[in-house]
PDB file of N, CA and C in Angstrom:
ATOM      1  N   MET A   1     -87.430   6.702 -55.503  1.00  0.00           N
ATOM      2  CA  MET A   1     -86.710   7.522 -56.261  1.00  0.00           C
ATOM      3  C   MET A   1     -85.347   8.005 -55.451  1.00  0.00           C
ATOM      4  N   LYS A   2     -84.652   8.393 -56.611  1.00  0.00           N
ATOM      5  CA  LYS A   2     -83.284   9.100 -56.032  1.00  0.00           C
ATOM      6  C   LYS A   2     -83.150  10.539 -56.079  1.00  0.00           C
ATOM      7  N   VAL A   3     -82.468  10.882 -55.033  1.00  0.00           N
ATOM      8  CA  VAL A   3     -82.360  12.469 -54.690  1.00  0.00           C
ATOM      9  C   VAL A   3     -80.656  12.378 -54.642  1.00  0.00           C
ATOM     10  N   ARG A   4     -80.452  13.061 -55.302  1.00  0.00           N
ATOM     11  CA  ARG A   4     -79.035  13.523 -55.257  1.00  0.00           C
ATOM     12  C   ARG A   4     -78.478  15.114 -54.862  1.00  0.00           C
ATOM     13  N   PHE A   5     -77.466  14.976 -54.241  1.00  0.00           N
ATOM     14  CA  PHE A   5     -77.268  16.418 -53.185  1.00  0.00           C
ATOM     15  C   PHE A   5     -75.747  16.725 -53.955  1.00  0.00           C
ATOM     16  N   LEU A   6     -75.821  17.766 -54.126  1.00  0.00           N
ATOM     17  CA  LEU A   6     -74.531  18.600 -54.458  1.00  0.00           C
ATOM     18  C   LEU A   6     -73.853  19.576 -53.738  1.00  0.00           C
ATOM     19  N   PRO A   7     -72.684  19.829 -53.649  1.00  0.00           N
ATOM     20  CA  PRO A   7     -71.603  19.163 -54.139  1.00  0.00           C
ATOM     21  C   PRO A   7     -71.212  17.796 -53.582  1.00  0.00           C
ATOM     22  N   SER A   8     -71.646  17.322 -52.822  1.00  0.00           N
ATOM     23  CA  SER A   8     -71.203  16.191 -52.079  1.00  0.00           C
ATOM     24  C   SER A   8     -71.423  14.966 -53.083  1.00  0.00           C
ATOM     25  N   ASN A   9     -72.469  15.117 -53.927  1.00  0.00           N
ATOM     26  CA  ASN A   9     -72.705  13.933 -54.949  1.00  0.00           C
ATOM     27  C   ASN A   9     -73.150  12.651 -54.015  1.00  0.00           C
ATOM     28  N   HIS A  10     -73.712  12.991 -53.050  1.00  0.00           N
ATOM     29  CA  HIS A  10     -74.374  11.846 -52.018  1.00  0.00           C
ATOM     30  C   HIS A  10     -75.745  11.507 -52.801  1.00  0.00           C
ATOM     31  N   VAL A  11     -76.107  10.444 -53.099  1.00  0.00           N
ATOM     32  CA  VAL A  11     -77.278  10.085 -53.423  1.00  0.00           C
ATOM     33  C   VAL A  11     -77.979   9.058 -52.491  1.00  0.00           C
ATOM     34  N   ILE A  12     -79.422   9.246 -52.388  1.00  0.00           N
ATOM     35  CA  ILE A  12     -80.112   8.452 -51.321  1.00  0.00           C
ATOM     36  C   ILE A  12     -81.539   8.197 -52.058  1.00  0.00           C
ATOM     37  N   GLU A  13     -82.104   6.925 -51.737  1.00  0.00           N
ATOM     38  CA  GLU A  13     -83.297   6.568 -52.416  1.00  0.00           C
ATOM     39  C   GLU A  13     -84.584   6.553 -51.360  1.00  0.00           C
ATOM     40  N   VAL A  14     -85.398   7.433 -51.724  1.00  0.00           N
ATOM     41  CA  VAL A  14     -86.712   7.667 -50.993  1.00  0.00           C
ATOM     42  C   VAL A  14     -88.055   7.135 -51.480  1.00  0.00           C
ATOM     43  N   GLU A  15     -88.794   7.052 -50.672  1.00  0.00           N
ATOM     44  CA  GLU A  15     -90.122   6.183 -51.085  1.00  0.00           C
ATOM     45  C   GLU A  15     -90.796   7.663 -51.708  1.00  0.00           C
ATOM     46  N   PRO A  16     -92.014   7.370 -52.420  1.00  0.00           N
ATOM     47  CA  PRO A  16     -92.784   8.639 -52.819  1.00  0.00           C
ATOM     48  C   PRO A  16     -93.216   9.651 -51.821  1.00  0.00           C
ATOM     49  N   ASN A  17     -93.341  11.007 -51.954  1.00  0.00           N
ATOM     50  CA  ASN A  17     -93.914  11.802 -51.215  1.00  0.00           C
ATOM     51  C   ASN A  17     -93.278  12.071 -50.097  1.00  0.00           C
ATOM     52  N   VAL A  18     -91.770  11.614 -49.956  1.00  0.00           N
ATOM     53  CA  VAL A  18     -90.860  11.963 -48.797  1.00  0.00           C
ATOM     54  C   VAL A  18     -90.464  13.460 -49.291  1.00  0.00           C
ATOM     55  N   THR A  19     -90.556  14.321 -48.283  1.00  0.00           N
ATOM     56  CA  THR A  19     -90.325  15.850 -48.482  1.00  0.00           C
ATOM     57  C   THR A  19     -88.923  15.791 -48.911  1.00  0.00           C
ATOM     58  N   LEU A  20     -88.086  16.964 -49.660  1.00  0.00           N
ATOM     59  CA  LEU A  20     -86.863  17.101 -49.812  1.00  0.00           C
ATOM     60  C   LEU A  20     -86.002  17.342 -48.437  1.00  0.00           C
ATOM     61  N   PHE A  21     -86.997  17.879 -47.402  1.00  0.00           N
ATOM     62  CA  PHE A  21     -86.104  18.156 -46.018  1.00  0.00           C
ATOM     63  C   PHE A  21     -85.872  16.867 -45.300  1.00  0.00           C
ATOM     64  N   GLU A  22     -86.799  16.066 -45.299  1.00  0.00           N
ATOM     65  CA  GLU A  22     -86.426  14.623 -44.828  1.00  0.00           C
ATOM     66  C   GLU A  22     -85.588  14.168 -45.483  1.00  0.00           C
ATOM     67  N   ALA A  23     -85.457  14.116 -46.850  1.00  0.00           N
ATOM     68  CA  ALA A  23     -84.456  13.278 -47.707  1.00  0.00           C
ATOM     69  C   ALA A  23     -83.174  13.887 -47.105  1.00  0.00           C
ATOM     70  N   ALA A  24     -82.896  15.173 -47.063  1.00  0.00           N
ATOM     71  CA  ALA A  24     -81.795  15.905 -46.811  1.00  0.00           C
ATOM     72  C   ALA A  24     -81.301  15.239 -45.410  1.00  0.00           C
ATOM     73  N   GLN A  25     -82.196  15.614 -44.261  1.00  0.00           N
ATOM     74  CA  GLN A  25     -81.937  14.870 -43.019  1.00  0.00           C
ATOM     75  C   GLN A  25     -81.362  13.330 -43.252  1.00  0.00           C
ATOM     76  N   ARG A  26     -81.947  12.568 -43.939  1.00  0.00           N
ATOM     77  CA  ARG A  26     -81.742  11.216 -44.054  1.00  0.00           C
ATOM     78  C   ARG A  26     -80.221  11.061 -44.615  1.00  0.00           C
ATOM     79  N   ALA A  27     -79.900  11.952 -45.667  1.00  0.00           N
ATOM     80  CA  ALA A  27     -78.599  11.926 -46.127  1.00  0.00           C
ATOM     81  C   ALA A  27     -77.544  12.461 -45.190  1.00  0.00           C
ATOM     82  N   GLY A  28     -78.025  12.888 -43.814  1.00  0.00           N
ATOM     83  CA  GLY A  28     -77.031  13.681 -43.271  1.00  0.00           C
ATOM     84  C   GLY A  28     -76.631  15.180 -43.460  1.00  0.00           C
ATOM     85  N   LEU A  29     -77.554  15.754 -44.339  1.00  0.00           N
ATOM     86  CA  LEU A  29     -77.075  17.020 -44.430  1.00  0.00           C
ATOM     87  C   LEU A  29     -77.933  18.135 -43.975  1.00  0.00           C
ATOM     88  N   PRO A  30     -77.253  19.219 -43.655  1.00  0.00           N
ATOM     89  CA  PRO A  30     -77.940  20.305 -42.793  1.00  0.00           C
ATOM     90  C   PRO A  30     -78.876  21.009 -43.462  1.00  0.00           C
ATOM     91  N   VAL A  31     -79.949  21.513 -43.152  1.00  0.00           N
ATOM     92  CA  VAL A  31     -80.979  22.247 -44.124  1.00  0.00           C
ATOM     93  C   VAL A  31     -81.463  23.124 -42.722  1.00  0.00           C
ATOM     94  N   GLY A  32     -81.374  24.521 -43.017  1.00  0.00           N
ATOM     95  CA  GLY A  32     -81.937  25.781 -42.343  1.00  0.00           C
ATOM     96  C   GLY A  32     -83.428  25.397 -42.009  1.00  0.00           C
ATOM     97  N   SER A  33     -83.739  25.618 -40.679  1.00  0.00           N
ATOM     98  CA  SER A  33     -85.077  25.762 -40.306  1.00  0.00           C
ATOM     99  C   SER A  33     -85.165  26.363 -39.137  1.00  0.00           C
ATOM    100  N   SER A  34     -85.776  27.105 -38.797  1.00  0.00           N
ATOM    101  CA  SER A  34     -86.339  27.613 -37.497  1.00  0.00           C
ATOM    102  C   SER A  34     -87.746  27.347 -36.848  1.00  0.00           C
ATOM    103  N   CYS A  35     -88.477  26.832 -38.030  1.00  0.00           N
ATOM    104  CA  CYS A  35     -89.717  26.299 -37.527  1.00  0.00           C
ATOM    105  C   CYS A  35     -90.113  24.797 -37.327  1.00  0.00           C
ATOM    106  N   GLY A  36     -89.084  24.197 -37.358  1.00  0.00           N
ATOM    107  CA  GLY A  36     -89.003  22.955 -37.339  1.00  0.00           C
ATOM    108  C   GLY A  36     -89.912  22.141 -38.469  1.00  0.00           C
ATOM    109  N   ALA A  37     -89.388  22.551 -39.614  1.00  0.00           N
ATOM    110  CA  ALA A  37     -90.316  22.176 -40.655  1.00  0.00           C
ATOM    111  C   ALA A  37     -91.578  22.066 -41.022  1.00  0.00           C
ATOM    112  N   ALA A  38     -92.183  23.279 -40.015  1.00  0.00           N
ATOM    113  CA  ALA A  38     -93.696  23.353 -40.265  1.00  0.00           C
ATOM    114  C   ALA A  38     -94.033  24.145 -41.096  1.00  0.00           C
ATOM    115  N   GLY A  39     -93.251  25.097 -42.083  1.00  0.00           N
ATOM    116  CA  GLY A  39     -93.784  25.526 -43.174  1.00  0.00           C
ATOM    117  C   GLY A  39     -94.033  27.273 -43.075  1.00  0.00           C
ATOM    118  N   THR A  40     -93.126  27.741 -42.143  1.00  0.00           N
ATOM    119  CA  THR A  40     -93.470  29.219 -41.866  1.00  0.00           C
ATOM    120  C   THR A  40     -92.010  29.774 -42.206  1.00  0.00           C
ATOM    121  N   CYS A  41     -91.057  29.437 -41.635  1.00  0.00           N
ATOM    122  CA  CYS A  41     -89.951  30.111 -41.719  1.00  0.00           C
ATOM    123  C   CYS A  41     -88.951  30.525 -43.016  1.00  0.00           C
ATOM    124  N   GLY A  42     -89.245  29.657 -43.944  1.00  0.00           N
ATOM    125  CA  GLY A  42     -88.691  30.049 -45.238  1.00  0.00           C
ATOM    126  C   GLY A  42     -87.195  29.800 -45.215  1.00  0.00           C
ATOM    127  N   ARG A  43     -86.818  28.908 -44.207  1.00  0.00           N
ATOM    128  CA  ARG A  43     -85.130  29.028 -44.442  1.00  0.00           C
ATOM    129  C   ARG A  43     -84.639  27.847 -45.070  1.00  0.00           C
ATOM    130  N   CYS A  44     -85.624  26.998 -45.291  1.00  0.00           N
ATOM    131  CA  CYS A  44     -85.309  25.424 -45.700  1.00  0.00           C
ATOM    132  C   CYS A  44     -84.911  25.441 -47.476  1.00  0.00           C
ATOM    133  N   GLY A  45     -84.663  26.360 -48.301  1.00  0.00           N
ATOM    134  CA  GLY A  45     -84.781  26.807 -49.594  1.00  0.00           C
ATOM    135  C   GLY A  45     -83.877  25.784 -50.209  1.00  0.00           C
ATOM    136  N   LEU A  46     -83.994  24.740 -51.182  1.00  0.00           N
ATOM    137  CA  LEU A  46     -82.777  24.124 -51.920  1.00  0.00           C
ATOM    138  C   LEU A  46     -82.944  24.198 -53.389  1.00  0.00           C
ATOM    139  N   ARG A  47     -81.956  24.515 -53.971  1.00  0.00           N
ATOM    140  CA  ARG A  47     -82.146  24.843 -55.632  1.00  0.00           C
ATOM    141  C   ARG A  47     -82.185  23.496 -56.230  1.00  0.00           C
ATOM    142  N   ILE A  48     -83.195  23.523 -57.293  1.00  0.00           N
ATOM    143  CA  ILE A  48     -83.262  22.341 -58.028  1.00  0.00           C
ATOM    144  C   ILE A  48     -82.403  22.561 -59.198  1.00  0.00           C
ATOM    145  N   VAL A  49     -81.337  21.299 -59.416  1.00  0.00           N
ATOM    146  CA  VAL A  49     -80.611  21.452 -60.478  1.00  0.00           C
ATOM    147  C   VAL A  49     -80.605  20.828 -61.354  1.00  0.00           C
ATOM    148  N   ASP A  50     -81.331  19.462 -61.472  1.00  0.00           N
ATOM    149  CA  ASP A  50     -82.112  18.946 -62.181  1.00  0.00           C
ATOM    150  C   ASP A  50     -83.379  17.858 -61.727  1.00  0.00           C
ATOM    151  N   GLY A  51     -84.197  17.675 -62.671  1.00  0.00           N
ATOM    152  CA  GLY A  51     -85.392  17.001 -62.239  1.00  0.00           C
ATOM    153  C   GLY A  51     -86.610  18.092 -62.151  1.00  0.00           C
ATOM    154  N   SER A  52     -87.781  17.615 -61.844  1.00  0.00           N
ATOM    155  CA  SER A  52     -88.820  18.529 -61.436  1.00  0.00           C
ATOM    156  C   SER A  52     -89.492  18.216 -60.375  1.00  0.00           C
ATOM    157  N   LEU A  53     -90.209  19.196 -59.819  1.00  0.00           N
ATOM    158  CA  LEU A  53     -91.390  19.100 -58.915  1.00  0.00           C
ATOM    159  C   LEU A  53     -92.404  19.441 -59.262  1.00  0.00           C
ATOM    160  N   SER A  54     -93.574  19.359 -58.449  1.00  0.00           N
ATOM    161  CA  SER A  54     -94.561  19.760 -58.781  1.00  0.00           C
ATOM    162  C   SER A  54     -94.818  21.518 -58.396  1.00  0.00           C
ATOM    163  N   PRO A  55     -95.415  22.157 -59.031  1.00  0.00           N
ATOM    164  CA  PRO A  55     -95.682  23.729 -58.839  1.00  0.00           C
ATOM    165  C   PRO A  55     -95.776  24.141 -57.255  1.00  0.00           C
ATOM    166  N   PRO A  56     -95.500  25.205 -56.885  1.00  0.00           N
ATOM    167  CA  PRO A  56     -95.572  25.616 -55.465  1.00  0.00           C
ATOM    168  C   PRO A  56     -97.109  25.761 -55.311  1.00  0.00           C
ATOM    169  N   THR A  57     -97.321  25.584 -54.042  1.00  0.00           N
ATOM    170  CA  THR A  57     -98.650  25.738 -53.596  1.00  0.00           C
ATOM    171  C   THR A  57     -98.727  26.922 -53.248  1.00  0.00           C
ATOM    172  N   PRO A  58     -99.961  27.533 -53.104  1.00  0.00           N
ATOM    173  CA  PRO A  58    -100.245  28.892 -52.764  1.00  0.00           C
ATOM    174  C   PRO A  58     -99.657  29.199 -51.478  1.00  0.00           C
ATOM    175  N   HIS A  59     -99.617  28.212 -50.500  1.00  0.00           N
ATOM    176  CA  HIS A  59     -99.089  28.541 -49.040  1.00  0.00           C
ATOM    177  C   HIS A  59     -97.298  28.544 -49.300  1.00  0.00           C
ATOM    178  N   GLU A  60     -96.840  27.919 -50.030  1.00  0.00           N
ATOM    179  CA  GLU A  60     -95.411  27.925 -50.472  1.00  0.00           C
ATOM    180  C   GLU A  60     -95.372  29.456 -51.050  1.00  0.00           C
ATOM    181  N   ILE A  61     -95.798  29.810 -51.937  1.00  0.00           N
ATOM    182  CA  ILE A  61     -95.695  31.053 -52.654  1.00  0.00           C
ATOM    183  C   ILE A  61     -95.828  32.114 -51.581  1.00  0.00           C
ATOM    184  N   LYS A  62     -96.785  31.871 -50.501  1.00  0.00           N
ATOM    185  CA  LYS A  62     -96.706  33.373 -49.530  1.00  0.00           C
ATOM    186  C   LYS A  62     -95.597  33.205 -48.849  1.00  0.00           C
ATOM    187  N   VAL A  63     -95.333  31.905 -48.260  1.00  0.00           N
ATOM    188  CA  VAL A  63     -93.980  32.201 -47.219  1.00  0.00           C
ATOM    189  C   VAL A  63     -92.770  32.351 -47.923  1.00  0.00           C
ATOM    190  N   VAL A  64     -92.624  32.015 -49.164  1.00  0.00           N
ATOM    191  CA  VAL A  64     -91.550  32.642 -50.011  1.00  0.00           C
ATOM    192  C   VAL A  64     -91.501  34.173 -50.277  1.00  0.00           C
ATOM    193  N   GLN A  65     -92.860  34.754 -50.338  1.00  0.00           N
ATOM    194  CA  GLN A  65     -92.951  36.242 -50.523  1.00  0.00           C
ATOM    195  C   GLN A  65     -92.530  36.810 -49.134  1.00  0.00           C
ATOM    196  N   ASP A  66     -93.475  36.197 -48.054  1.00  0.00           N
ATOM    197  CA  ASP A  66     -93.269  36.657 -46.729  1.00  0.00           C
ATOM    198  C   ASP A  66     -91.734  37.122 -46.188  1.00  0.00           C
ATOM    199  N   ASN A  67     -91.098  35.925 -46.709  1.00  0.00           N
ATOM    200  CA  ASN A  67     -89.899  35.558 -46.151  1.00  0.00           C
ATOM    201  C   ASN A  67     -88.722  36.043 -47.015  1.00  0.00           C
ATOM    202  N   ARG A  68     -88.883  36.597 -48.099  1.00  0.00           N
ATOM    203  CA  ARG A  68     -88.225  37.106 -49.128  1.00  0.00           C
ATOM    204  C   ARG A  68     -87.062  36.163 -49.619  1.00  0.00           C
ATOM    205  N   VAL A  69     -87.677  35.118 -49.713  1.00  0.00           N
ATOM    206  CA  VAL A  69     -86.808  33.947 -50.424  1.00  0.00           C
ATOM    207  C   VAL A  69     -86.883  33.962 -51.721  1.00  0.00           C
ATOM    208  N   SER A  70     -85.595  33.636 -52.333  1.00  0.00           N
ATOM    209  CA  SER A  70     -85.282  33.715 -53.754  1.00  0.00           C
ATOM    210  C   SER A  70     -86.081  32.758 -54.331  1.00  0.00           C
ATOM    211  N   ASP A  71     -86.715  33.404 -55.682  1.00  0.00           N
ATOM    212  CA  ASP A  71     -87.525  32.575 -56.539  1.00  0.00           C
ATOM    213  C   ASP A  71     -86.969  31.349 -57.065  1.00  0.00           C
ATOM    214  N   SER A  72     -85.880  31.307 -56.940  1.00  0.00           N
ATOM    215  CA  SER A  72     -85.045  30.234 -57.327  1.00  0.00           C
ATOM    216  C   SER A  72     -84.929  28.868 -56.356  1.00  0.00           C
ATOM    217  N   LEU A  73     -85.497  29.021 -55.481  1.00  0.00           N
ATOM    218  CA  LEU A  73     -85.224  28.132 -54.463  1.00  0.00           C
ATOM    219  C   LEU A  73     -86.795  27.389 -54.240  1.00  0.00           C
ATOM    220  N   ARG A  74     -86.669  25.980 -53.737  1.00  0.00           N
ATOM    221  CA  ARG A  74     -88.142  25.502 -53.304  1.00  0.00           C
ATOM    222  C   ARG A  74     -87.728  25.127 -51.603  1.00  0.00           C
ATOM    223  N   LEU A  75     -89.061  25.472 -51.100  1.00  0.00           N
ATOM    224  CA  LEU A  75     -88.883  25.220 -49.594  1.00  0.00           C
ATOM    225  C   LEU A  75     -88.988  23.883 -49.359  1.00  0.00           C
ATOM    226  N   SER A  76     -87.940  23.016 -49.027  1.00  0.00           N
ATOM    227  CA  SER A  76     -87.848  21.575 -48.821  1.00  0.00           C
ATOM    228  C   SER A  76     -88.935  21.174 -47.897  1.00  0.00           C
ATOM    229  N   CYS A  77     -89.472  21.834 -46.946  1.00  0.00           N
ATOM    230  CA  CYS A  77     -90.313  21.070 -46.015  1.00  0.00           C
ATOM    231  C   CYS A  77     -91.702  21.128 -46.639  1.00  0.00           C
ATOM    232  N   MET A  78     -91.815  21.748 -47.763  1.00  0.00           N
ATOM    233  CA  MET A  78     -93.052  22.020 -48.544  1.00  0.00           C
ATOM    234  C   MET A  78     -93.496  20.819 -49.707  1.00  0.00           C
ATOM    235  N   VAL A  79     -92.319  20.553 -50.303  1.00  0.00           N
ATOM    236  CA  VAL A  79     -92.347  19.789 -51.352  1.00  0.00           C
ATOM    237  C   VAL A  79     -91.659  18.377 -51.277  1.00  0.00           C
ATOM    238  N   SER A  80     -92.612  17.609 -51.895  1.00  0.00           N
ATOM    239  CA  SER A  80     -92.200  16.367 -51.929  1.00  0.00           C
ATOM    240  C   SER A  80     -91.684  15.912 -52.870  1.00  0.00           C
ATOM    241  N   VAL A  81     -90.832  14.596 -53.089  1.00  0.00           N
ATOM    242  CA  VAL A  81     -90.022  14.116 -53.938  1.00  0.00           C
ATOM    243  C   VAL A  81     -91.028  13.311 -54.805  1.00  0.00           C
ATOM    244  N   THR A  82     -90.999  13.508 -56.088  1.00  0.00           N
ATOM    245  CA  THR A  82     -91.999  12.619 -56.760  1.00  0.00           C
ATOM    246  C   THR A  82     -91.452  11.917 -57.978  1.00  0.00           C
ATOM    247  N   SER A  83     -89.905  12.381 -58.527  1.00  0.00           N
ATOM    248  CA  SER A  83     -89.248  11.655 -59.246  1.00  0.00           C
ATOM    249  C   SER A  83     -87.768  11.747 -59.032  1.00  0.00           C
ATOM    250  N   ASP A  84     -86.928  11.143 -59.657  1.00  0.00           N
ATOM    251  CA  ASP A  84     -85.349  11.480 -59.431  1.00  0.00           C
ATOM    252  C   ASP A  84     -85.297  13.047 -59.450  1.00  0.00           C
ATOM    253  N   ILE A  85     -84.508  13.281 -58.692  1.00  0.00           N
ATOM    254  CA  ILE A  85     -83.933  14.898 -58.723  1.00  0.00           C
ATOM    255  C   ILE A  85     -82.626  15.048 -57.951  1.00  0.00           C
ATOM    256  N   THR A  86     -81.902  16.154 -58.381  1.00  0.00           N
ATOM    257  CA  THR A  86     -80.995  16.747 -58.079  1.00  0.00           C
ATOM    258  C   THR A  86     -80.839  18.102 -57.537  1.00  0.00           C
ATOM    259  N   VAL A  87     -80.524  18.337 -55.986  1.00  0.00           N
ATOM    260  CA  VAL A  87     -80.490  19.555 -55.378  1.00  0.00           C
ATOM    261  C   VAL A  87     -79.148  20.089 -54.856  1.00  0.00           C
ATOM    262  N   THR A  88     -79.207  21.281 -54.487  1.00  0.00           N
ATOM    263  CA  THR A  88     -78.315  21.819 -53.714  1.00  0.00           C
ATOM    264  C   THR A  88     -78.557  23.201 -52.955  1.00  0.00           C
ATOM    265  N   ALA A  89     -77.815  23.519 -51.923  1.00  0.00           N
ATOM    266  CA  ALA A  89     -77.995  24.578 -51.171  1.00  0.00           C
ATOM    267  C   ALA A  89     -76.753  25.513 -51.352  1.00  0.00           C
ATOM    268  N   ASP A  90     -76.838  26.734 -50.949  1.00  0.00           N
ATOM    269  CA  ASP A  90     -75.759  27.877 -51.470  1.00  0.00           C
ATOM    270  C   ASP A  90     -74.821  27.496 -50.246  1.00  0.00           C
ATOM    271  N   TYR A  91     -75.183  26.963 -49.061  1.00  0.00           N
ATOM    272  CA  TYR A  91     -74.258  26.680 -47.725  1.00  0.00           C
ATOM    273  C   TYR A  91     -73.522  25.474 -47.727  1.00  0.00           C
ATOM    274  N   TRP A  92     -73.770  24.339 -48.858  1.00  0.00           N
ATOM    275  CA  TRP A  92     -73.044  23.145 -48.597  1.00  0.00           C
ATOM    276  C   TRP A  92     -71.913  23.138 -49.070  1.00  0.00           C
TER     277      TRP A  92
END
């Protein structure tokens, strides 16, 4: 599957079930994280521009709410790539 990162337009191929966080790291792009991608800090939010992901898990929803993360972001350490997708971050 292909993951495209905007605005750099960098595209990488990943195997199924690689997290968006791992995909961004492989692409050499920084992603916020103070918990080391353990799913607690809520700083790794990425905006989905195109494509789809599985619905948020109850744990992801709780972390988003607890950390006041925008509902328009998905926590990249908690969501796996399951199809071609395009993402961006407000700080890239």
